[in-house]
Amino acid sequence: VQKEMLPEEHACAQAVGNPDELASGREDGYSWQDTEEDVEVVVRAPGAKEQGAKNVQIIFSNRKVKVTRPVELTIELYAPVDADSCSWSFCQEGLLLVLPKRDEERWPQLTPA
């Protein structure tokens, strides 16, 4: 029901997920979840949706994600992603970033060791 009535909130909830199946974690300012095909990152940015898309600035590259608005956050990535296919949307906690993996392998962590 949540998926149909509140799709953004459902996506956020799914991004946090079950750590017993695939890797996930919480860091200062964000949480992340590994999936088979991509990595989902929830950036905590209360009130982002109310401020609107014009107040969101995100730069996706193969090994890094840089958010400069509505919060400042840079995440170096464990493995390459398809930067051209990365996307974002609003969710209950702030922003949901979807990072399609270049290679469909499990990530044990979000950032390099």
Protein backbone atom coordinates (compact mmCIF):
# COMPACT_ATOMS: atom_id res chain seq x y z
CA VAL A 1 0.00 0.00 0.00
CA GLN A 2 2.82 2.44 0.87
CA LYS A 3 4.40 1.83 -2.54
CA GLU A 4 1.19 2.92 -4.29
CA MET A 5 0.08 5.74 -1.97
CA LEU A 6 3.49 7.18 -0.98
CA PRO A 7 6.03 6.09 -3.61
CA GLU A 8 8.80 8.45 -2.46
CA GLU A 9 8.52 7.36 1.16
CA HIS A 10 8.43 3.72 0.04
CA ALA A 11 11.65 4.21 -1.95
CA CYS A 12 13.33 5.77 1.10
CA ALA A 13 12.22 2.90 3.32
CA GLN A 14 13.49 0.37 0.79
CA ALA A 15 16.85 2.15 0.57
CA VAL A 16 17.44 1.54 4.28
CA GLY A 17 16.47 -2.14 3.83
CA ASN A 18 17.55 -5.32 5.63
CA PRO A 19 21.30 -5.48 6.29
CA ASP A 20 21.18 -9.30 6.54
CA GLU A 21 20.59 -9.63 2.79
CA LEU A 22 22.81 -6.96 1.23
CA ALA A 23 25.24 -4.46 2.74
CA SER A 24 23.91 -1.19 4.12
CA GLY A 25 24.95 1.45 6.55
CA ARG A 26 24.37 4.80 8.22
CA GLU A 27 26.89 7.58 8.23
CA ASP A 28 26.80 11.20 9.28
CA GLY A 29 24.24 12.80 6.99
CA TYR A 30 23.20 9.78 4.95
CA SER A 31 22.32 6.09 4.86
CA TRP A 32 22.85 3.61 2.03
CA GLN A 33 21.70 0.21 0.77
CA ASP A 34 23.29 -2.09 -1.77
CA THR A 35 20.94 -3.78 -4.26
CA GLU A 36 21.64 -6.19 -7.09
CA GLU A 37 21.84 -3.50 -9.78
CA ASP A 38 22.45 -0.24 -7.95
CA VAL A 39 23.29 1.48 -4.69
CA GLU A 40 20.68 3.69 -3.08
CA VAL A 41 21.72 6.57 -0.84
CA VAL A 42 19.32 8.58 1.33
CA VAL A 43 20.75 12.02 2.08
CA ARG A 44 19.25 13.59 5.18
CA ALA A 45 18.00 17.01 4.15
CA PRO A 46 14.88 17.94 6.15
CA GLY A 47 12.62 20.31 4.25
CA ALA A 48 14.29 19.70 0.88
CA LYS A 49 11.03 18.83 -0.83
CA GLU A 50 9.38 22.01 0.37
CA GLN A 51 12.30 24.07 -1.00
CA GLY A 52 11.83 22.47 -4.42
CA ALA A 53 14.02 20.94 -7.11
CA LYS A 54 15.58 24.28 -8.02
CA ASN A 55 17.35 24.20 -4.64
CA VAL A 56 18.96 20.81 -5.28
CA GLN A 57 22.38 20.51 -6.85
CA ILE A 58 24.04 17.11 -7.27
CA ILE A 59 27.04 16.15 -9.39
CA PHE A 60 27.35 12.46 -10.25
CA SER A 61 30.65 11.04 -11.50
CA ASN A 62 31.97 7.50 -11.91
CA ARG A 63 33.52 7.28 -8.43
CA LYS A 64 32.01 10.22 -6.54
CA VAL A 65 28.72 11.92 -5.68
CA LYS A 66 28.80 15.56 -4.64
CA VAL A 67 25.71 17.24 -3.18
CA THR A 68 26.09 21.01 -2.81
CA ARG A 69 22.46 21.99 -2.17
CA PRO A 70 20.39 21.72 0.02
CA VAL A 71 23.23 20.23 2.12
CA GLU A 72 26.93 19.78 1.41
CA LEU A 73 28.10 16.18 1.15
CA THR A 74 30.76 14.41 -0.91
CA ILE A 75 30.89 10.62 -1.07
CA GLU A 76 33.77 8.73 -2.67
CA LEU A 77 32.39 5.44 -4.01
CA TYR A 78 33.64 1.89 -3.48
CA ALA A 79 33.36 0.99 -7.18
CA PRO A 80 32.39 2.75 -10.43
CA VAL A 81 28.80 3.67 -11.23
CA ASP A 82 27.14 4.68 -14.49
CA ALA A 83 27.16 8.43 -13.86
CA ASP A 84 24.88 9.18 -16.84
CA SER A 85 22.17 6.89 -15.41
CA CYS A 86 22.30 8.16 -11.82
CA SER A 87 19.15 9.88 -10.59
CA TRP A 88 17.61 11.47 -7.53
CA SER A 89 14.18 12.13 -6.10
CA PHE A 90 12.69 13.58 -2.94
CA CYS A 91 11.85 11.26 -0.06
CA GLN A 92 10.67 11.63 3.52
CA GLU A 93 14.21 12.04 4.92
CA GLY A 94 15.41 14.35 2.14
CA LEU A 95 16.90 13.03 -1.11
CA LEU A 96 17.04 9.52 -2.54
CA LEU A 97 20.00 8.98 -4.88
CA VAL A 98 19.99 5.93 -7.15
CA LEU A 99 23.45 4.98 -8.43
CA PRO A 100 23.42 2.20 -11.07
CA LYS A 101 26.51 0.04 -10.71
CA ARG A 102 28.81 -0.33 -13.69
CA ASP A 103 29.37 -3.98 -12.67
CA GLU A 104 26.59 -5.90 -10.94
CA GLU A 105 28.54 -7.11 -7.94
CA ARG A 106 27.81 -6.77 -4.26
CA TRP A 107 29.37 -3.82 -2.52
CA PRO A 108 30.56 -4.64 1.02
CA GLN A 109 30.78 -0.90 1.75
CA LEU A 110 29.82 2.39 0.13
CA THR A 111 33.21 4.08 0.29
CA PRO A 112 36.73 2.76 -0.42
CA ALA A 113 38.62 1.24 2.51
